[in-house]
């Protein structure tokens, strides 16, 4: 199965998203080739949640079996929930949306919860956890390397998928949704 990740910021988010989604599929025992959308380069949720942009991505990548649109919820300031739901409804047979609460970086932070100065529940409620917690954590761990240190920080995922999934409930919902999607696709041989 070919899975294409569609993040709102490929430059940094790919280093968090790809290992998380690969762990999700491994846990489901689905063989999947997970890749990150190389082009177009999206910049923020305004582009990632633009129905016309997503139509173009789906149209231009016909060999993909499943598209995962993974964006920040950002306290739903820009109505990300409704916009994502409309896009998923339009592409129901090929696309699943997941809104990270509140940002993709929170998944990385959950792996380092013992090193943070606030409980993860508070971090997940905060509208701007990237600036408040992720950037200081990355500075502490070292911003050298891919994704300004995100790839290095995500090494903590090794053996921690279930803990991450349980701490970030949107990942459990995504995993359940992918499992249900897979069941509906089994009749067509994917």
N, C-alpha and C. Protein backbone atom coordinates (compact mmCIF):
# COMPACT_ATOMS: atom_id res chain seq x y z
N UNK A 1 0.84 -1.17 0.00
CA UNK A 1 0.00 0.00 0.00
C UNK A 1 0.89 1.24 0.00
N UNK A 2 0.52 2.22 -0.80
CA UNK A 2 1.27 3.47 -0.90
C UNK A 2 0.51 4.56 -0.17
N UNK A 3 1.19 5.20 0.79
CA UNK A 3 0.58 6.24 1.61
C UNK A 3 1.36 7.52 1.43
N UNK A 4 0.66 8.60 1.11
CA UNK A 4 1.29 9.91 0.93
C UNK A 4 0.86 10.83 2.05
N UNK A 5 1.84 11.32 2.81
CA UNK A 5 1.57 12.27 3.89
C UNK A 5 1.54 13.68 3.32
N UNK A 6 0.50 14.42 3.68
CA UNK A 6 0.34 15.79 3.21
C UNK A 6 0.36 16.69 4.45
N UNK A 7 1.54 17.23 4.80
CA UNK A 7 1.64 18.12 5.96
C UNK A 7 1.52 19.58 5.54
N UNK A 8 1.30 20.43 6.51
CA UNK A 8 1.24 21.86 6.20
C UNK A 8 2.63 22.48 6.10
N UNK A 9 3.66 21.74 6.54
CA UNK A 9 5.04 22.24 6.47
C UNK A 9 5.97 21.05 6.30
N UNK A 10 6.26 20.70 5.04
CA UNK A 10 7.11 19.53 4.79
C UNK A 10 8.50 19.70 5.39
N UNK A 11 9.02 20.92 5.40
CA UNK A 11 10.39 21.17 5.82
C UNK A 11 10.68 20.61 7.20
N UNK A 12 9.81 20.85 8.15
CA UNK A 12 10.04 20.40 9.52
C UNK A 12 9.14 19.24 9.93
N UNK A 13 7.88 19.30 9.55
CA UNK A 13 6.92 18.29 10.03
C UNK A 13 7.25 16.87 9.56
N UNK A 14 7.87 16.72 8.40
CA UNK A 14 8.14 15.37 7.90
C UNK A 14 8.96 14.55 8.87
N UNK A 15 9.82 15.18 9.65
CA UNK A 15 10.70 14.44 10.56
C UNK A 15 9.97 13.94 11.80
N UNK A 16 8.80 14.47 12.04
CA UNK A 16 7.94 13.97 13.10
C UNK A 16 6.92 13.00 12.50
N UNK A 17 6.30 13.41 11.41
CA UNK A 17 5.18 12.64 10.83
C UNK A 17 5.59 11.28 10.29
N UNK A 18 6.65 11.23 9.52
CA UNK A 18 6.99 9.96 8.86
C UNK A 18 7.26 8.85 9.88
N UNK A 19 8.08 9.06 10.91
CA UNK A 19 8.28 7.96 11.86
C UNK A 19 7.02 7.61 12.65
N UNK A 20 6.19 8.61 12.96
CA UNK A 20 4.95 8.33 13.69
C UNK A 20 4.02 7.49 12.85
N UNK A 21 3.83 7.86 11.59
CA UNK A 21 2.90 7.13 10.73
C UNK A 21 3.46 5.74 10.40
N UNK A 22 4.75 5.62 10.22
CA UNK A 22 5.34 4.29 10.01
C UNK A 22 5.10 3.39 11.22
N UNK A 23 5.23 3.93 12.44
CA UNK A 23 4.97 3.15 13.64
C UNK A 23 3.50 2.76 13.73
N UNK A 24 2.62 3.68 13.35
CA UNK A 24 1.18 3.40 13.34
C UNK A 24 0.87 2.22 12.42
N UNK A 25 1.40 2.25 11.20
CA UNK A 25 1.14 1.15 10.25
C UNK A 25 1.78 -0.15 10.72
N UNK A 26 2.96 -0.08 11.30
CA UNK A 26 3.60 -1.30 11.83
C UNK A 26 2.73 -1.92 12.92
N UNK A 27 2.16 -1.08 13.77
CA UNK A 27 1.29 -1.58 14.83
C UNK A 27 0.03 -2.23 14.26
N UNK A 28 -0.47 -1.69 13.17
CA UNK A 28 -1.64 -2.27 12.51
C UNK A 28 -1.28 -3.52 11.68
N UNK A 29 0.02 -3.75 11.55
CA UNK A 29 0.54 -4.86 10.74
C UNK A 29 0.13 -4.72 9.28
N UNK A 30 0.15 -3.49 8.79
CA UNK A 30 -0.09 -3.18 7.37
C UNK A 30 1.24 -2.81 6.76
N UNK A 31 1.58 -3.47 5.66
CA UNK A 31 2.78 -3.07 4.92
C UNK A 31 2.42 -1.82 4.13
N UNK A 32 3.15 -0.77 4.38
CA UNK A 32 2.88 0.49 3.70
C UNK A 32 4.18 1.20 3.36
N UNK A 33 4.23 1.75 2.17
CA UNK A 33 5.33 2.63 1.78
C UNK A 33 4.84 4.04 2.08
N UNK A 34 5.42 4.64 3.10
CA UNK A 34 5.01 5.97 3.54
C UNK A 34 5.99 6.99 2.98
N UNK A 35 5.44 7.97 2.28
CA UNK A 35 6.28 9.06 1.78
C UNK A 35 5.61 10.39 2.08
N UNK A 36 6.40 11.44 2.00
CA UNK A 36 5.92 12.80 2.27
C UNK A 36 5.79 13.53 0.95
N UNK A 37 4.69 14.23 0.78
CA UNK A 37 4.46 15.01 -0.43
C UNK A 37 5.66 15.90 -0.71
N UNK A 38 6.32 15.70 -1.87
CA UNK A 38 7.47 16.54 -2.18
C UNK A 38 7.07 17.88 -2.81
N UNK A 39 5.96 17.86 -3.56
CA UNK A 39 5.57 19.04 -4.31
C UNK A 39 4.07 19.02 -4.52
N UNK A 40 3.38 20.09 -4.33
CA UNK A 40 3.84 21.44 -4.03
C UNK A 40 4.26 21.58 -2.56
N UNK A 41 5.15 22.53 -2.30
CA UNK A 41 5.57 22.84 -0.94
C UNK A 41 4.46 23.67 -0.31
N UNK A 42 3.82 23.13 0.70
CA UNK A 42 2.73 23.83 1.37
C UNK A 42 3.27 24.70 2.49
N UNK A 43 2.58 25.80 2.71
CA UNK A 43 3.00 26.75 3.74
C UNK A 43 1.81 27.09 4.61
N UNK A 44 1.61 26.32 5.66
CA UNK A 44 0.57 26.60 6.63
C UNK A 44 -0.75 25.93 6.32
N UNK A 45 -1.65 26.04 7.29
CA UNK A 45 -2.94 25.40 7.15
C UNK A 45 -3.82 26.04 6.09
N UNK A 46 -3.55 27.31 5.76
CA UNK A 46 -4.36 27.95 4.71
C UNK A 46 -4.20 27.22 3.38
N UNK A 47 -3.01 26.73 3.08
CA UNK A 47 -2.80 25.96 1.86
C UNK A 47 -3.18 24.49 2.05
N UNK A 48 -2.80 23.92 3.19
CA UNK A 48 -3.07 22.49 3.42
C UNK A 48 -4.55 22.19 3.54
N UNK A 49 -5.34 23.15 3.94
CA UNK A 49 -6.78 22.94 4.07
C UNK A 49 -7.56 23.67 2.97
N UNK A 50 -6.88 23.98 1.90
CA UNK A 50 -7.54 24.59 0.75
C UNK A 50 -8.07 23.46 -0.13
N UNK A 51 -9.39 23.37 -0.31
CA UNK A 51 -9.95 22.25 -1.09
C UNK A 51 -9.37 22.14 -2.50
N UNK A 52 -9.10 23.25 -3.14
CA UNK A 52 -8.55 23.21 -4.50
C UNK A 52 -7.13 22.66 -4.51
N UNK A 53 -6.33 23.04 -3.53
CA UNK A 53 -4.96 22.51 -3.42
C UNK A 53 -5.00 21.00 -3.22
N UNK A 54 -5.87 20.53 -2.34
CA UNK A 54 -5.96 19.10 -2.06
C UNK A 54 -6.49 18.35 -3.28
N UNK A 55 -7.45 18.91 -3.99
CA UNK A 55 -7.92 18.27 -5.23
C UNK A 55 -6.77 18.07 -6.20
N UNK A 56 -5.92 19.08 -6.34
CA UNK A 56 -4.77 18.98 -7.23
C UNK A 56 -3.78 17.91 -6.78
N UNK A 57 -3.54 17.83 -5.48
CA UNK A 57 -2.62 16.82 -4.96
C UNK A 57 -3.16 15.42 -5.21
N UNK A 58 -4.43 15.20 -4.95
CA UNK A 58 -5.03 13.88 -5.18
C UNK A 58 -5.02 13.55 -6.67
N UNK A 59 -5.37 14.51 -7.50
CA UNK A 59 -5.39 14.31 -8.95
C UNK A 59 -3.99 14.01 -9.50
N UNK A 60 -2.98 14.71 -9.00
CA UNK A 60 -1.63 14.58 -9.53
C UNK A 60 -0.85 13.38 -8.99
N UNK A 61 -1.44 12.65 -8.06
CA UNK A 61 -0.77 11.49 -7.46
C UNK A 61 -1.69 10.26 -7.50
N UNK A 62 -2.08 9.83 -8.71
CA UNK A 62 -3.08 8.76 -8.83
C UNK A 62 -2.58 7.39 -8.35
N UNK A 63 -1.28 7.20 -8.21
CA UNK A 63 -0.76 5.90 -7.80
C UNK A 63 -0.81 5.69 -6.28
N UNK A 64 -1.15 6.74 -5.54
CA UNK A 64 -1.23 6.62 -4.08
C UNK A 64 -2.54 5.95 -3.69
N UNK A 65 -2.47 5.04 -2.74
CA UNK A 65 -3.67 4.37 -2.25
C UNK A 65 -4.39 5.20 -1.20
N UNK A 66 -3.61 5.90 -0.37
CA UNK A 66 -4.18 6.67 0.73
C UNK A 66 -3.39 7.95 0.94
N UNK A 67 -4.12 9.03 1.13
CA UNK A 67 -3.54 10.32 1.47
C UNK A 67 -3.87 10.61 2.92
N UNK A 68 -2.87 11.01 3.70
CA UNK A 68 -3.10 11.43 5.08
C UNK A 68 -2.78 12.91 5.18
N UNK A 69 -3.82 13.70 5.38
CA UNK A 69 -3.68 15.15 5.54
C UNK A 69 -3.49 15.41 7.03
N UNK A 70 -2.29 15.84 7.41
CA UNK A 70 -1.89 15.97 8.81
C UNK A 70 -1.51 17.43 9.09
N UNK A 71 -2.36 18.12 9.82
CA UNK A 71 -2.14 19.54 10.07
C UNK A 71 -2.34 19.86 11.55
N UNK A 72 -1.90 21.05 11.93
CA UNK A 72 -2.08 21.54 13.29
C UNK A 72 -3.52 21.97 13.50
N UNK A 73 -4.06 21.67 14.67
CA UNK A 73 -5.41 22.12 15.01
C UNK A 73 -5.37 23.59 15.42
N UNK A 74 -4.30 24.01 16.10
CA UNK A 74 -4.13 25.42 16.50
C UNK A 74 -5.35 25.99 17.22
N UNK A 75 -5.88 25.22 18.18
CA UNK A 75 -7.06 25.65 18.95
C UNK A 75 -8.25 25.99 18.06
N UNK A 76 -8.26 25.46 16.86
CA UNK A 76 -9.33 25.67 15.88
C UNK A 76 -9.58 27.15 15.59
N UNK A 77 -8.53 27.97 15.70
CA UNK A 77 -8.64 29.41 15.44
C UNK A 77 -9.10 29.69 14.02
N UNK A 78 -8.65 28.89 13.07
CA UNK A 78 -8.99 29.11 11.65
C UNK A 78 -9.99 28.08 11.13
N UNK A 79 -10.78 27.53 12.05
CA UNK A 79 -11.83 26.57 11.68
C UNK A 79 -11.27 25.33 10.97
N UNK A 80 -10.12 24.87 11.46
CA UNK A 80 -9.46 23.71 10.86
C UNK A 80 -10.34 22.46 10.92
N UNK A 81 -11.09 22.30 11.99
CA UNK A 81 -11.92 21.09 12.12
C UNK A 81 -12.95 21.00 11.01
N UNK A 82 -13.68 22.07 10.78
CA UNK A 82 -14.71 22.05 9.74
C UNK A 82 -14.09 21.93 8.35
N UNK A 83 -12.99 22.63 8.13
CA UNK A 83 -12.33 22.59 6.83
C UNK A 83 -11.80 21.19 6.54
N UNK A 84 -11.17 20.56 7.54
CA UNK A 84 -10.64 19.20 7.36
C UNK A 84 -11.77 18.20 7.14
N UNK A 85 -12.86 18.35 7.87
CA UNK A 85 -13.99 17.44 7.70
C UNK A 85 -14.57 17.52 6.29
N UNK A 86 -14.66 18.73 5.76
CA UNK A 86 -15.20 18.90 4.40
C UNK A 86 -14.28 18.26 3.36
N UNK A 87 -12.98 18.43 3.53
CA UNK A 87 -12.02 17.83 2.60
C UNK A 87 -12.08 16.31 2.68
N UNK A 88 -12.13 15.78 3.90
CA UNK A 88 -12.19 14.31 4.05
C UNK A 88 -13.48 13.77 3.44
N UNK A 89 -14.58 14.47 3.62
CA UNK A 89 -15.85 14.01 3.04
C UNK A 89 -15.77 13.98 1.51
N UNK A 90 -15.13 15.00 0.92
CA UNK A 90 -15.00 15.06 -0.53
C UNK A 90 -14.16 13.91 -1.09
N UNK A 91 -13.15 13.50 -0.34
CA UNK A 91 -12.21 12.47 -0.81
C UNK A 91 -12.28 11.22 0.07
N UNK A 92 -13.47 10.86 0.50
CA UNK A 92 -13.67 9.82 1.52
C UNK A 92 -13.03 8.47 1.18
N UNK A 93 -12.88 8.13 -0.08
CA UNK A 93 -12.33 6.83 -0.42
C UNK A 93 -10.80 6.82 -0.47
N UNK A 94 -10.17 8.00 -0.42
CA UNK A 94 -8.71 8.05 -0.59
C UNK A 94 -7.98 8.91 0.43
N UNK A 95 -8.71 9.65 1.29
CA UNK A 95 -8.04 10.62 2.15
C UNK A 95 -8.61 10.60 3.55
N UNK A 96 -7.70 10.67 4.52
CA UNK A 96 -8.07 10.78 5.93
C UNK A 96 -7.33 11.98 6.50
N UNK A 97 -8.04 12.79 7.27
CA UNK A 97 -7.44 13.96 7.91
C UNK A 97 -7.20 13.67 9.39
N UNK A 98 -6.14 14.25 9.90
CA UNK A 98 -5.86 14.20 11.33
C UNK A 98 -5.35 15.57 11.75
N UNK A 99 -6.02 16.14 12.74
CA UNK A 99 -5.59 17.42 13.29
C UNK A 99 -4.81 17.17 14.57
N UNK A 100 -3.55 17.56 14.58
CA UNK A 100 -2.72 17.39 15.78
C UNK A 100 -3.14 18.41 16.82
N UNK A 101 -3.30 17.95 18.04
CA UNK A 101 -3.71 18.83 19.14
C UNK A 101 -2.44 19.24 19.88
N UNK A 102 -2.09 20.48 19.88
CA UNK A 102 -2.56 21.56 19.03
C UNK A 102 -1.65 21.72 17.81
N UNK A 103 -0.48 21.10 17.90
CA UNK A 103 0.48 21.17 16.79
C UNK A 103 1.18 19.81 16.66
N UNK A 104 1.70 19.57 15.46
CA UNK A 104 2.44 18.32 15.20
C UNK A 104 3.57 18.15 16.22
N UNK A 105 4.21 19.23 16.61
CA UNK A 105 5.33 19.15 17.55
C UNK A 105 4.93 18.58 18.90
N UNK A 106 3.65 18.60 19.25
CA UNK A 106 3.20 18.03 20.52
C UNK A 106 3.46 16.53 20.54
N UNK A 107 3.38 15.87 19.38
CA UNK A 107 3.68 14.44 19.34
C UNK A 107 5.13 14.21 19.73
N UNK A 108 6.01 15.07 19.28
CA UNK A 108 7.42 14.99 19.66
C UNK A 108 7.57 15.28 21.15
N UNK A 109 6.87 16.30 21.62
CA UNK A 109 6.95 16.67 23.04
C UNK A 109 6.47 15.53 23.94
N UNK A 110 5.46 14.80 23.51
CA UNK A 110 4.93 13.69 24.31
C UNK A 110 6.00 12.64 24.56
N UNK A 111 6.93 12.50 23.65
CA UNK A 111 8.02 11.53 23.81
C UNK A 111 9.06 12.01 24.82
N UNK A 112 9.03 13.29 25.12
CA UNK A 112 10.01 13.89 26.05
C UNK A 112 9.30 14.52 27.24
N UNK A 113 8.12 14.01 27.58
CA UNK A 113 7.29 14.62 28.62
C UNK A 113 8.01 14.76 29.95
N UNK A 114 8.89 13.83 30.28
CA UNK A 114 9.60 13.90 31.56
C UNK A 114 10.59 15.06 31.61
N UNK A 115 10.95 15.63 30.46
CA UNK A 115 11.91 16.72 30.41
C UNK A 115 11.25 18.10 30.37
N UNK A 116 9.92 18.13 30.40
CA UNK A 116 9.20 19.39 30.23
C UNK A 116 8.77 19.96 31.58
N UNK A 117 8.55 21.27 31.61
CA UNK A 117 8.20 21.95 32.86
C UNK A 117 6.69 22.06 33.09
N UNK A 118 5.92 21.31 32.33
CA UNK A 118 4.46 21.32 32.48
C UNK A 118 3.94 19.94 32.12
N UNK A 119 2.80 19.57 32.68
CA UNK A 119 2.22 18.28 32.29
C UNK A 119 1.75 18.32 30.84
N UNK A 120 1.79 17.15 30.21
CA UNK A 120 1.39 17.07 28.81
C UNK A 120 -0.04 17.56 28.60
N UNK A 121 -0.91 17.33 29.56
CA UNK A 121 -2.30 17.80 29.42
C UNK A 121 -2.35 19.32 29.27
N UNK A 122 -1.52 20.04 29.98
CA UNK A 122 -1.47 21.51 29.85
C UNK A 122 -0.88 21.89 28.49
N UNK A 123 0.14 21.20 28.08
CA UNK A 123 0.78 21.48 26.79
C UNK A 123 -0.22 21.27 25.66
N UNK A 124 -1.00 20.22 25.74
CA UNK A 124 -1.99 19.93 24.69
C UNK A 124 -3.12 20.95 24.66
N UNK A 125 -3.38 21.64 25.76
CA UNK A 125 -4.41 22.68 25.77
C UNK A 125 -3.89 24.02 25.26
N UNK A 126 -2.59 24.23 25.34
CA UNK A 126 -1.98 25.50 24.97
C UNK A 126 -2.07 25.69 23.46
N UNK A 127 -2.41 26.90 23.02
CA UNK A 127 -2.61 27.15 21.58
C UNK A 127 -1.30 27.25 20.80
N UNK A 128 -0.19 27.51 21.47
CA UNK A 128 1.09 27.66 20.77
C UNK A 128 2.21 26.87 21.46
N UNK A 129 2.05 25.56 21.56
CA UNK A 129 3.07 24.77 22.27
C UNK A 129 4.41 24.70 21.55
N UNK A 130 4.42 24.92 20.25
CA UNK A 130 5.70 24.87 19.53
C UNK A 130 6.64 25.94 20.07
N UNK A 131 6.12 27.15 20.18
CA UNK A 131 6.95 28.24 20.65
C UNK A 131 7.28 28.10 22.14
N UNK A 132 6.32 27.67 22.93
CA UNK A 132 6.50 27.61 24.39
C UNK A 132 7.37 26.43 24.82
N UNK A 133 7.19 25.24 24.20
CA UNK A 133 7.90 24.05 24.67
C UNK A 133 8.78 23.38 23.62
N UNK A 134 8.33 23.28 22.39
CA UNK A 134 9.10 22.53 21.39
C UNK A 134 10.41 23.22 21.03
N UNK A 135 10.35 24.50 20.78
CA UNK A 135 11.59 25.20 20.41
C UNK A 135 12.63 25.14 21.52
N UNK A 136 12.28 25.37 22.80
CA UNK A 136 13.28 25.20 23.86
C UNK A 136 13.81 23.76 23.97
N UNK A 137 12.91 22.78 23.79
CA UNK A 137 13.37 21.38 23.85
C UNK A 137 14.36 21.11 22.72
N UNK A 138 14.04 21.56 21.52
CA UNK A 138 14.94 21.34 20.39
C UNK A 138 16.28 22.05 20.62
N UNK A 139 16.24 23.22 21.18
CA UNK A 139 17.49 23.94 21.48
C UNK A 139 18.32 23.14 22.49
N UNK A 140 17.66 22.58 23.49
CA UNK A 140 18.34 21.77 24.50
C UNK A 140 18.94 20.50 23.89
N UNK A 141 18.16 19.83 23.03
CA UNK A 141 18.61 18.58 22.42
C UNK A 141 19.62 18.81 21.30
N UNK A 142 19.58 20.00 20.72
CA UNK A 142 20.47 20.34 19.61
C UNK A 142 19.70 20.49 18.31
N UNK A 143 19.80 21.65 17.72
CA UNK A 143 19.05 21.93 16.49
C UNK A 143 19.81 21.56 15.23
N UNK A 144 20.95 20.90 15.41
CA UNK A 144 21.69 20.46 14.24
C UNK A 144 20.97 19.28 13.60
N UNK A 145 21.20 19.09 12.35
CA UNK A 145 20.60 17.95 11.66
C UNK A 145 19.25 18.28 11.04
N UNK A 146 18.67 17.29 10.37
CA UNK A 146 17.41 17.49 9.64
C UNK A 146 16.27 17.96 10.53
N UNK A 147 15.46 18.85 9.98
CA UNK A 147 14.29 19.34 10.69
C UNK A 147 14.63 20.19 11.89
N UNK A 148 15.78 20.83 11.86
CA UNK A 148 16.23 21.66 12.99
C UNK A 148 16.19 20.87 14.30
N UNK A 149 16.64 19.62 14.24
CA UNK A 149 16.73 18.76 15.41
C UNK A 149 15.55 17.84 15.62
N UNK A 150 14.50 17.97 14.81
CA UNK A 150 13.32 17.12 14.99
C UNK A 150 13.63 15.64 14.74
N UNK A 151 14.44 15.37 13.72
CA UNK A 151 14.77 13.96 13.44
C UNK A 151 15.47 13.33 14.64
N UNK A 152 16.41 14.05 15.22
CA UNK A 152 17.13 13.55 16.39
C UNK A 152 16.17 13.37 17.57
N UNK A 153 15.28 14.33 17.80
CA UNK A 153 14.33 14.25 18.90
C UNK A 153 13.38 13.07 18.75
N UNK A 154 13.07 12.72 17.51
CA UNK A 154 12.12 11.62 17.27
C UNK A 154 12.74 10.24 17.46
N UNK A 155 14.03 10.16 17.70
CA UNK A 155 14.63 8.85 18.02
C UNK A 155 14.01 8.26 19.28
N UNK A 156 13.45 9.13 20.11
CA UNK A 156 12.79 8.67 21.33
C UNK A 156 11.54 7.85 21.05
N UNK A 157 11.05 7.85 19.81
CA UNK A 157 9.87 7.07 19.44
C UNK A 157 10.15 5.56 19.51
N UNK A 158 11.39 5.17 19.33
CA UNK A 158 11.77 3.75 19.33
C UNK A 158 11.18 3.03 20.54
N UNK A 159 10.27 2.11 20.28
CA UNK A 159 9.66 1.33 21.34
C UNK A 159 8.60 2.07 22.15
N UNK A 160 8.25 3.29 21.75
CA UNK A 160 7.32 4.11 22.53
C UNK A 160 6.01 4.41 21.80
N UNK A 161 5.72 3.69 20.70
CA UNK A 161 4.53 4.00 19.93
C UNK A 161 3.26 3.94 20.77
N UNK A 162 3.07 2.88 21.53
CA UNK A 162 1.83 2.75 22.30
C UNK A 162 1.68 3.87 23.32
N UNK A 163 2.75 4.24 23.96
CA UNK A 163 2.72 5.35 24.91
C UNK A 163 2.34 6.66 24.21
N UNK A 164 2.93 6.90 23.05
CA UNK A 164 2.61 8.12 22.29
C UNK A 164 1.15 8.10 21.87
N UNK A 165 0.70 6.99 21.32
CA UNK A 165 -0.69 6.88 20.87
C UNK A 165 -1.66 7.09 22.02
N UNK A 166 -1.33 6.59 23.20
CA UNK A 166 -2.22 6.74 24.35
C UNK A 166 -2.22 8.17 24.89
N UNK A 167 -1.11 8.86 24.76
CA UNK A 167 -1.03 10.24 25.24
C UNK A 167 -1.66 11.23 24.27
N UNK A 168 -1.61 10.93 22.99
CA UNK A 168 -2.14 11.82 21.95
C UNK A 168 -3.32 11.11 21.29
N UNK A 169 -4.49 11.34 21.83
CA UNK A 169 -5.67 10.57 21.45
C UNK A 169 -6.04 10.71 19.98
N UNK A 170 -5.63 11.80 19.35
CA UNK A 170 -5.92 11.93 17.91
C UNK A 170 -5.18 10.87 17.11
N UNK A 171 -4.05 10.39 17.62
CA UNK A 171 -3.33 9.31 16.94
C UNK A 171 -4.09 7.99 17.06
N UNK A 172 -4.70 7.75 18.19
CA UNK A 172 -5.54 6.55 18.34
C UNK A 172 -6.73 6.63 17.39
N UNK A 173 -7.34 7.81 17.30
CA UNK A 173 -8.47 7.98 16.38
C UNK A 173 -8.03 7.77 14.94
N UNK A 174 -6.86 8.30 14.59
CA UNK A 174 -6.33 8.12 13.24
C UNK A 174 -6.08 6.65 12.96
N UNK A 175 -5.48 5.95 13.91
CA UNK A 175 -5.21 4.53 13.73
C UNK A 175 -6.51 3.75 13.53
N UNK A 176 -7.52 4.07 14.31
CA UNK A 176 -8.82 3.40 14.16
C UNK A 176 -9.43 3.70 12.80
N UNK A 177 -9.32 4.95 12.37
CA UNK A 177 -9.88 5.34 11.08
C UNK A 177 -9.17 4.64 9.92
N UNK A 178 -7.86 4.52 10.02
CA UNK A 178 -7.10 3.83 8.98
C UNK A 178 -7.49 2.34 8.97
N UNK A 179 -7.64 1.76 10.14
CA UNK A 179 -8.07 0.36 10.21
C UNK A 179 -9.42 0.15 9.55
N UNK A 180 -10.36 1.05 9.82
CA UNK A 180 -11.69 0.96 9.20
C UNK A 180 -11.60 1.19 7.69
N UNK A 181 -10.79 2.15 7.28
CA UNK A 181 -10.60 2.42 5.84
C UNK A 181 -10.05 1.16 5.16
N UNK A 182 -9.09 0.53 5.80
CA UNK A 182 -8.47 -0.67 5.24
C UNK A 182 -9.49 -1.79 5.05
N UNK A 183 -10.38 -1.92 6.00
CA UNK A 183 -11.43 -2.94 5.89
C UNK A 183 -12.31 -2.69 4.67
N UNK A 184 -12.65 -1.42 4.42
CA UNK A 184 -13.50 -1.11 3.27
C UNK A 184 -12.77 -1.29 1.95
N UNK A 185 -11.45 -1.20 1.97
CA UNK A 185 -10.65 -1.32 0.76
C UNK A 185 -10.26 -2.76 0.45
N UNK A 186 -10.41 -3.64 1.40
CA UNK A 186 -9.94 -5.02 1.20
C UNK A 186 -10.65 -5.70 0.03
N UNK A 187 -11.84 -5.28 -0.28
CA UNK A 187 -12.56 -5.90 -1.39
C UNK A 187 -11.99 -5.51 -2.75
N UNK A 188 -11.21 -4.41 -2.81
CA UNK A 188 -10.61 -4.00 -4.08
C UNK A 188 -9.15 -4.40 -4.18
N UNK A 189 -8.65 -5.13 -3.18
CA UNK A 189 -7.31 -5.71 -3.27
C UNK A 189 -6.16 -4.82 -2.86
N UNK A 190 -6.41 -3.78 -2.10
CA UNK A 190 -5.30 -2.92 -1.65
C UNK A 190 -4.64 -3.55 -0.46
